[in-house]
Amino acid sequence: MEAAARRRHPGAAGGPGAQPGASFLQARHSSVKADEAAGTAPFHLDLWFYFTLQNWVLDFGRPIAMIDSFELLYYYDEYLGHSMWYIPFFLILFMYFSGCFTPTKAESSIPGAALLLVVPSGLYYWYLVTEGQIFILFIFTSFAMLALVLHQKRKRLFLDSNGLFLFYSFALTLLLVALWVAWLWNDPVLRKKYPGVIYVPEPWAFYTLHVSSQH
């Protein structure tokens, strides 16, 4: 019966007697379906799997990890975290300082407004150095700045107002740190807490041991 139907309708089913227009429409329809199938975005299984795993680990694994890992977190907060933050911070300051030179000696002066800011700026760096326990990094940066000033002076280059402000702020910070250490040099409690070669007590430790304990 199918053969008889094909004989009666020679253009059906794309047979040999099919009309050219029908064959063209069928081919076009097939190509559109193929393009749609090829254009479907694949599911990123690896991306969503790791994203879901990360959410579970960070949200639910963190309090569990904080129970036998307290020492590790303390180490990260007190040492590793400080290094990750303060090393780039002082490096950026030094890079900025290296561009604060001028060939005109008349421009090597600091305005009065900048002088007023030296005191709070130096006080902030003092707190940063003592509380962050980054004296080595600070003194290394200060010596690098001083060496750069002496080197540029040979080239007849002088610090501009921005460079002078930063240089004076660091000089004031160094003076405040020296006075702080000299004041607490013979403190037996802080000496026991900071037994290392470099003795720079933290202001918060001083407040906890000597101020808040009296109340």
C-alpha atoms as a PDB file:
ATOM      1  CA  MET A   1       0.000   0.000   0.000  1.00  0.00           C
ATOM      2  CA  GLU A   2       2.874   2.382   0.769  1.00  0.00           C
ATOM      3  CA  ALA A   3       4.303   1.731  -2.690  1.00  0.00           C
ATOM      4  CA  ALA A   4       0.933   2.451  -4.245  1.00  0.00           C
ATOM      5  CA  ALA A   5       0.689   5.681  -2.205  1.00  0.00           C
ATOM      6  CA  ARG A   6       4.096   6.748  -3.418  1.00  0.00           C
ATOM      7  CA  ARG A   7       3.008   6.048  -6.998  1.00  0.00           C
ATOM      8  CA  ARG A   8      -0.129   8.132  -6.515  1.00  0.00           C
ATOM      9  CA  HIS A   9       1.828  10.947  -4.748  1.00  0.00           C
ATOM     10  CA  PRO A  10       5.221  10.976  -6.350  1.00  0.00           C
ATOM     11  CA  GLY A  11       6.294  14.191  -4.507  1.00  0.00           C
ATOM     12  CA  ALA A  12       5.704  12.861  -0.985  1.00  0.00           C
ATOM     13  CA  ALA A  13       8.408  11.969   1.536  1.00  0.00           C
ATOM     14  CA  GLY A  14      11.110  13.551  -0.580  1.00  0.00           C
ATOM     15  CA  GLY A  15      11.130  10.719  -3.085  1.00  0.00           C
ATOM     16  CA  PRO A  16      12.635  10.809  -6.516  1.00  0.00           C
ATOM     17  CA  GLY A  17       9.645  12.692  -7.857  1.00  0.00           C
ATOM     18  CA  ALA A  18       9.603  15.263  -5.050  1.00  0.00           C
ATOM     19  CA  GLN A  19       9.227  18.849  -6.071  1.00  0.00           C
ATOM     20  CA  PRO A  20      12.387  20.972  -5.828  1.00  0.00           C
ATOM     21  CA  GLY A  21      10.668  23.543  -3.579  1.00  0.00           C
ATOM     22  CA  ALA A  22       9.634  20.927  -1.021  1.00  0.00           C
ATOM     23  CA  SER A  23      13.152  19.485  -0.897  1.00  0.00           C
ATOM     24  CA  PHE A  24      14.582  22.958  -0.329  1.00  0.00           C
ATOM     25  CA  LEU A  25      12.191  23.677   2.575  1.00  0.00           C
ATOM     26  CA  GLN A  26      12.970  20.336   4.229  1.00  0.00           C
ATOM     27  CA  ALA A  27      16.698  20.919   3.943  1.00  0.00           C
ATOM     28  CA  ARG A  28      16.392  24.405   5.341  1.00  0.00           C
ATOM     29  CA  HIS A  29      14.264  23.214   8.242  1.00  0.00           C
ATOM     30  CA  SER A  30      16.820  20.534   9.075  1.00  0.00           C
ATOM     31  CA  SER A  31      19.691  23.024   9.007  1.00  0.00           C
ATOM     32  CA  VAL A  32      17.815  25.397  11.356  1.00  0.00           C
ATOM     33  CA  LYS A  33      17.313  22.594  13.885  1.00  0.00           C
ATOM     34  CA  ALA A  34      20.993  21.679  13.644  1.00  0.00           C
ATOM     35  CA  ASP A  35      22.036  25.294  14.233  1.00  0.00           C
ATOM     36  CA  GLU A  36      19.742  25.576  17.245  1.00  0.00           C
ATOM     37  CA  ALA A  37      21.153  22.374  18.706  1.00  0.00           C
ATOM     38  CA  ALA A  38      24.711  23.513  18.094  1.00  0.00           C
ATOM     39  CA  GLY A  39      24.045  26.943  19.592  1.00  0.00           C
ATOM     40  CA  THR A  40      22.781  25.631  22.953  1.00  0.00           C
ATOM     41  CA  ALA A  41      25.165  26.657  25.765  1.00  0.00           C
ATOM     42  CA  PRO A  42      26.640  23.613  27.551  1.00  0.00           C
ATOM     43  CA  PHE A  43      26.180  23.216  31.282  1.00  0.00           C
ATOM     44  CA  HIS A  44      29.378  24.206  33.114  1.00  0.00           C
ATOM     45  CA  LEU A  45      29.429  21.335  35.559  1.00  0.00           C
ATOM     46  CA  ASP A  46      32.925  22.004  36.848  1.00  0.00           C
ATOM     47  CA  LEU A  47      32.193  25.680  37.510  1.00  0.00           C
ATOM     48  CA  TRP A  48      28.987  25.157  39.465  1.00  0.00           C
ATOM     49  CA  PHE A  49      30.340  22.104  41.283  1.00  0.00           C
ATOM     50  CA  TYR A  50      33.338  23.993  42.670  1.00  0.00           C
ATOM     51  CA  PHE A  51      31.204  27.053  43.392  1.00  0.00           C
ATOM     52  CA  THR A  52      28.742  24.957  45.413  1.00  0.00           C
ATOM     53  CA  LEU A  53      31.562  23.154  47.195  1.00  0.00           C
ATOM     54  CA  GLN A  54      33.206  26.460  48.059  1.00  0.00           C
ATOM     55  CA  ASN A  55      29.983  27.830  49.529  1.00  0.00           C
ATOM     56  CA  TRP A  56      29.550  24.797  51.754  1.00  0.00           C
ATOM     57  CA  VAL A  57      33.163  24.771  52.890  1.00  0.00           C
ATOM     58  CA  LEU A  58      33.337  28.493  53.643  1.00  0.00           C
ATOM     59  CA  ASP A  59      29.954  28.753  55.356  1.00  0.00           C
ATOM     60  CA  PHE A  60      29.821  25.492  57.315  1.00  0.00           C
ATOM     61  CA  GLY A  61      33.469  24.464  57.499  1.00  0.00           C
ATOM     62  CA  ARG A  62      34.706  27.736  58.968  1.00  0.00           C
ATOM     63  CA  PRO A  63      33.195  27.384  62.468  1.00  0.00           C
ATOM     64  CA  ILE A  64      34.279  23.743  62.567  1.00  0.00           C
ATOM     65  CA  ALA A  65      37.811  24.637  61.563  1.00  0.00           C
ATOM     66  CA  MET A  66      37.995  27.381  64.182  1.00  0.00           C
ATOM     67  CA  ILE A  67      37.537  24.712  67.057  1.00  0.00           C
ATOM     68  CA  ASP A  68      41.260  22.703  66.999  1.00  0.00           C
ATOM     69  CA  SER A  69      42.825  25.767  64.448  1.00  0.00           C
ATOM     70  CA  PHE A  70      42.839  28.801  66.852  1.00  0.00           C
ATOM     71  CA  GLU A  71      46.624  28.968  66.854  1.00  0.00           C
ATOM     72  CA  LEU A  72      46.709  28.944  63.074  1.00  0.00           C
ATOM     73  CA  LEU A  73      44.215  31.794  62.901  1.00  0.00           C
ATOM     74  CA  TYR A  74      46.180  33.731  65.491  1.00  0.00           C
ATOM     75  CA  TYR A  75      49.358  33.252  63.478  1.00  0.00           C
ATOM     76  CA  TYR A  76      47.617  34.445  60.326  1.00  0.00           C
ATOM     77  CA  ASP A  77      46.198  37.520  62.057  1.00  0.00           C
ATOM     78  CA  GLU A  78      49.342  38.536  63.920  1.00  0.00           C
ATOM     79  CA  TYR A  79      52.094  37.663  61.455  1.00  0.00           C
ATOM     80  CA  LEU A  80      51.100  36.496  57.994  1.00  0.00           C
ATOM     81  CA  GLY A  81      48.166  38.872  57.642  1.00  0.00           C
ATOM     82  CA  HIS A  82      50.265  41.846  58.721  1.00  0.00           C
ATOM     83  CA  SER A  83      52.966  41.006  56.197  1.00  0.00           C
ATOM     84  CA  MET A  84      50.450  40.586  53.381  1.00  0.00           C
ATOM     85  CA  TRP A  85      49.027  44.027  54.119  1.00  0.00           C
ATOM     86  CA  TYR A  86      51.961  46.155  55.269  1.00  0.00           C
ATOM     87  CA  ILE A  87      54.619  45.066  52.753  1.00  0.00           C
ATOM     88  CA  PRO A  88      52.581  46.306  49.754  1.00  0.00           C
ATOM     89  CA  PHE A  89      51.565  49.380  51.774  1.00  0.00           C
ATOM     90  CA  PHE A  90      55.123  50.510  52.462  1.00  0.00           C
ATOM     91  CA  LEU A  91      56.239  49.489  48.988  1.00  0.00           C
ATOM     92  CA  ILE A  92      53.607  51.796  47.468  1.00  0.00           C
ATOM     93  CA  LEU A  93      54.707  54.611  49.792  1.00  0.00           C
ATOM     94  CA  PHE A  94      58.326  54.166  48.734  1.00  0.00           C
ATOM     95  CA  MET A  95      57.410  54.082  45.050  1.00  0.00           C
ATOM     96  CA  TYR A  96      55.467  57.313  45.502  1.00  0.00           C
ATOM     97  CA  PHE A  97      58.364  58.834  47.431  1.00  0.00           C
ATOM     98  CA  SER A  98      60.786  57.976  44.623  1.00  0.00           C
ATOM     99  CA  GLY A  99      58.826  60.275  42.295  1.00  0.00           C
ATOM    100  CA  CYS A 100      58.829  63.260  44.677  1.00  0.00           C
ATOM    101  CA  PHE A 101      62.041  64.902  43.450  1.00  0.00           C
ATOM    102  CA  THR A 102      62.535  68.169  41.630  1.00  0.00           C
ATOM    103  CA  PRO A 103      65.603  69.813  40.044  1.00  0.00           C
ATOM    104  CA  THR A 104      64.544  73.207  41.401  1.00  0.00           C
ATOM    105  CA  LYS A 105      65.718  73.843  44.945  1.00  0.00           C
ATOM    106  CA  ALA A 106      63.170  76.612  45.360  1.00  0.00           C
ATOM    107  CA  GLU A 107      60.396  74.017  45.096  1.00  0.00           C
ATOM    108  CA  SER A 108      61.944  72.009  47.925  1.00  0.00           C
ATOM    109  CA  SER A 109      59.868  73.544  50.668  1.00  0.00           C
ATOM    110  CA  ILE A 110      56.899  72.419  52.702  1.00  0.00           C
ATOM    111  CA  PRO A 111      53.845  74.642  53.239  1.00  0.00           C
ATOM    112  CA  GLY A 112      52.365  75.379  56.608  1.00  0.00           C
ATOM    113  CA  ALA A 113      49.313  73.189  56.050  1.00  0.00           C
ATOM    114  CA  ALA A 114      51.576  70.210  55.404  1.00  0.00           C
ATOM    115  CA  LEU A 115      53.484  70.905  58.616  1.00  0.00           C
ATOM    116  CA  LEU A 116      50.240  70.716  60.553  1.00  0.00           C
ATOM    117  CA  LEU A 117      49.532  67.313  59.033  1.00  0.00           C
ATOM    118  CA  VAL A 118      52.960  65.932  59.914  1.00  0.00           C
ATOM    119  CA  VAL A 119      51.984  65.430  63.560  1.00  0.00           C
ATOM    120  CA  PRO A 120      48.822  63.321  63.012  1.00  0.00           C
ATOM    121  CA  SER A 121      50.513  61.495  60.140  1.00  0.00           C
ATOM    122  CA  GLY A 122      53.561  60.615  62.228  1.00  0.00           C
ATOM    123  CA  LEU A 123      51.345  59.603  65.140  1.00  0.00           C
ATOM    124  CA  TYR A 124      49.389  57.256  62.884  1.00  0.00           C
ATOM    125  CA  TYR A 125      52.551  55.620  61.563  1.00  0.00           C
ATOM    126  CA  TRP A 126      53.764  55.248  65.154  1.00  0.00           C
ATOM    127  CA  TYR A 127      50.597  53.340  66.020  1.00  0.00           C
ATOM    128  CA  LEU A 128      50.953  51.303  62.843  1.00  0.00           C
ATOM    129  CA  VAL A 129      54.531  50.312  63.646  1.00  0.00           C
ATOM    130  CA  THR A 130      53.993  49.512  67.316  1.00  0.00           C
ATOM    131  CA  GLU A 131      50.587  47.851  67.206  1.00  0.00           C
ATOM    132  CA  GLY A 132      51.300  46.042  63.940  1.00  0.00           C
ATOM    133  CA  GLN A 133      54.768  44.949  65.128  1.00  0.00           C
ATOM    134  CA  ILE A 134      56.363  45.955  61.835  1.00  0.00           C
ATOM    135  CA  PHE A 135      59.363  47.886  63.124  1.00  0.00           C
ATOM    136  CA  ILE A 136      61.792  46.007  60.880  1.00  0.00           C
ATOM    137  CA  LEU A 137      59.749  46.799  57.789  1.00  0.00           C
ATOM    138  CA  PHE A 138      59.415  50.440  58.837  1.00  0.00           C
ATOM    139  CA  ILE A 139      63.097  50.959  59.605  1.00  0.00           C
ATOM    140  CA  PHE A 140      64.071  49.257  56.352  1.00  0.00           C
ATOM    141  CA  THR A 141      61.755  51.585  54.411  1.00  0.00           C
ATOM    142  CA  SER A 142      63.107  54.619  56.275  1.00  0.00           C
ATOM    143  CA  PHE A 143      66.705  53.722  55.474  1.00  0.00           C
ATOM    144  CA  ALA A 144      65.769  53.105  51.836  1.00  0.00           C
ATOM    145  CA  MET A 145      64.161  56.558  51.683  1.00  0.00           C
ATOM    146  CA  LEU A 146      67.222  58.171  53.258  1.00  0.00           C
ATOM    147  CA  ALA A 147      69.554  56.375  50.841  1.00  0.00           C
ATOM    148  CA  LEU A 148      67.417  57.536  47.919  1.00  0.00           C
ATOM    149  CA  VAL A 149      67.539  61.144  49.139  1.00  0.00           C
ATOM    150  CA  LEU A 150      71.348  61.045  49.375  1.00  0.00           C
ATOM    151  CA  HIS A 151      71.617  59.420  45.957  1.00  0.00           C
ATOM    152  CA  GLN A 152      69.342  61.949  44.292  1.00  0.00           C
ATOM    153  CA  LYS A 153      71.135  64.825  45.991  1.00  0.00           C
ATOM    154  CA  ARG A 154      74.271  63.922  44.047  1.00  0.00           C
ATOM    155  CA  LYS A 155      72.224  64.431  40.884  1.00  0.00           C
ATOM    156  CA  ARG A 156      71.104  67.855  42.103  1.00  0.00           C
ATOM    157  CA  LEU A 157      67.570  66.615  42.720  1.00  0.00           C
ATOM    158  CA  PHE A 158      65.660  67.718  45.790  1.00  0.00           C
ATOM    159  CA  LEU A 159      62.511  66.582  47.556  1.00  0.00           C
ATOM    160  CA  ASP A 160      59.363  68.476  46.711  1.00  0.00           C
ATOM    161  CA  SER A 161      56.667  69.336  49.256  1.00  0.00           C
ATOM    162  CA  ASN A 162      55.083  65.862  49.050  1.00  0.00           C
ATOM    163  CA  GLY A 163      58.373  64.097  49.552  1.00  0.00           C
ATOM    164  CA  LEU A 164      59.279  66.360  52.460  1.00  0.00           C
ATOM    165  CA  PHE A 165      55.927  65.692  54.093  1.00  0.00           C
ATOM    166  CA  LEU A 166      56.421  61.926  53.884  1.00  0.00           C
ATOM    167  CA  PHE A 167      60.050  62.160  54.992  1.00  0.00           C
ATOM    168  CA  TYR A 168      59.209  64.328  58.015  1.00  0.00           C
ATOM    169  CA  SER A 169      56.328  62.027  58.936  1.00  0.00           C
ATOM    170  CA  PHE A 170      58.651  59.033  58.968  1.00  0.00           C
ATOM    171  CA  ALA A 171      61.253  60.966  60.961  1.00  0.00           C
ATOM    172  CA  LEU A 172      58.640  61.896  63.563  1.00  0.00           C
ATOM    173  CA  THR A 173      57.462  58.283  63.683  1.00  0.00           C
ATOM    174  CA  LEU A 174      60.999  57.079  64.347  1.00  0.00           C
ATOM    175  CA  LEU A 175      61.345  59.617  67.158  1.00  0.00           C
ATOM    176  CA  LEU A 176      58.033  58.562  68.728  1.00  0.00           C
ATOM    177  CA  VAL A 177      58.974  54.878  68.562  1.00  0.00           C
ATOM    178  CA  ALA A 178      62.320  55.602  70.216  1.00  0.00           C
ATOM    179  CA  LEU A 179      60.624  57.556  73.022  1.00  0.00           C
ATOM    180  CA  TRP A 180      58.013  54.802  73.441  1.00  0.00           C
ATOM    181  CA  VAL A 181      60.649  52.087  73.774  1.00  0.00           C
ATOM    182  CA  ALA A 182      62.784  54.169  76.125  1.00  0.00           C
ATOM    183  CA  TRP A 183      59.789  54.859  78.364  1.00  0.00           C
ATOM    184  CA  LEU A 184      58.884  51.159  78.670  1.00  0.00           C
ATOM    185  CA  TRP A 185      62.417  49.799  78.569  1.00  0.00           C
ATOM    186  CA  ASN A 186      62.468  48.561  82.173  1.00  0.00           C
ATOM    187  CA  ASP A 187      58.864  47.371  82.353  1.00  0.00           C
ATOM    188  CA  PRO A 188      59.101  43.792  83.717  1.00  0.00           C
ATOM    189  CA  VAL A 189      55.652  42.690  82.533  1.00  0.00           C
ATOM    190  CA  LEU A 190      56.087  43.881  78.962  1.00  0.00           C
ATOM    191  CA  ARG A 191      59.657  42.594  78.901  1.00  0.00           C
ATOM    192  CA  LYS A 192      58.284  39.151  79.671  1.00  0.00           C
ATOM    193  CA  LYS A 193      55.638  39.480  76.970  1.00  0.00           C
ATOM    194  CA  TYR A 194      58.146  40.681  74.337  1.00  0.00           C
ATOM    195  CA  PRO A 195      61.332  38.712  75.021  1.00  0.00           C
ATOM    196  CA  GLY A 196      62.849  39.137  71.557  1.00  0.00           C
ATOM    197  CA  VAL A 197      65.859  41.184  70.549  1.00  0.00           C
ATOM    198  CA  ILE A 198      63.678  43.939  69.080  1.00  0.00           C
ATOM    199  CA  TYR A 199      61.621  45.300  71.950  1.00  0.00           C
ATOM    200  CA  VAL A 200      58.685  47.361  70.672  1.00  0.00           C
ATOM    201  CA  PRO A 201      55.635  46.917  72.943  1.00  0.00           C
ATOM    202  CA  GLU A 202      52.138  47.208  71.536  1.00  0.00           C
ATOM    203  CA  PRO A 203      49.990  50.090  72.822  1.00  0.00           C
ATOM    204  CA  TRP A 204      47.055  47.744  73.264  1.00  0.00           C
ATOM    205  CA  ALA A 205      49.144  45.422  75.430  1.00  0.00           C
ATOM    206  CA  PHE A 206      50.234  48.362  77.550  1.00  0.00           C
ATOM    207  CA  TYR A 207      46.612  49.460  77.947  1.00  0.00           C
ATOM    208  CA  THR A 208      45.468  45.940  78.851  1.00  0.00           C
ATOM    209  CA  LEU A 209      48.203  45.282  81.392  1.00  0.00           C
ATOM    210  CA  HIS A 210      48.543  48.674  83.049  1.00  0.00           C
ATOM    211  CA  VAL A 211      45.396  50.705  82.438  1.00  0.00           C
ATOM    212  CA  SER A 212      42.358  48.446  82.161  1.00  0.00           C
ATOM    213  CA  SER A 213      43.641  46.096  84.876  1.00  0.00           C
ATOM    214  CA  GLN A 214      43.550  48.967  87.397  1.00  0.00           C
ATOM    215  CA  HIS A 215      39.834  49.463  86.859  1.00  0.00           C
END
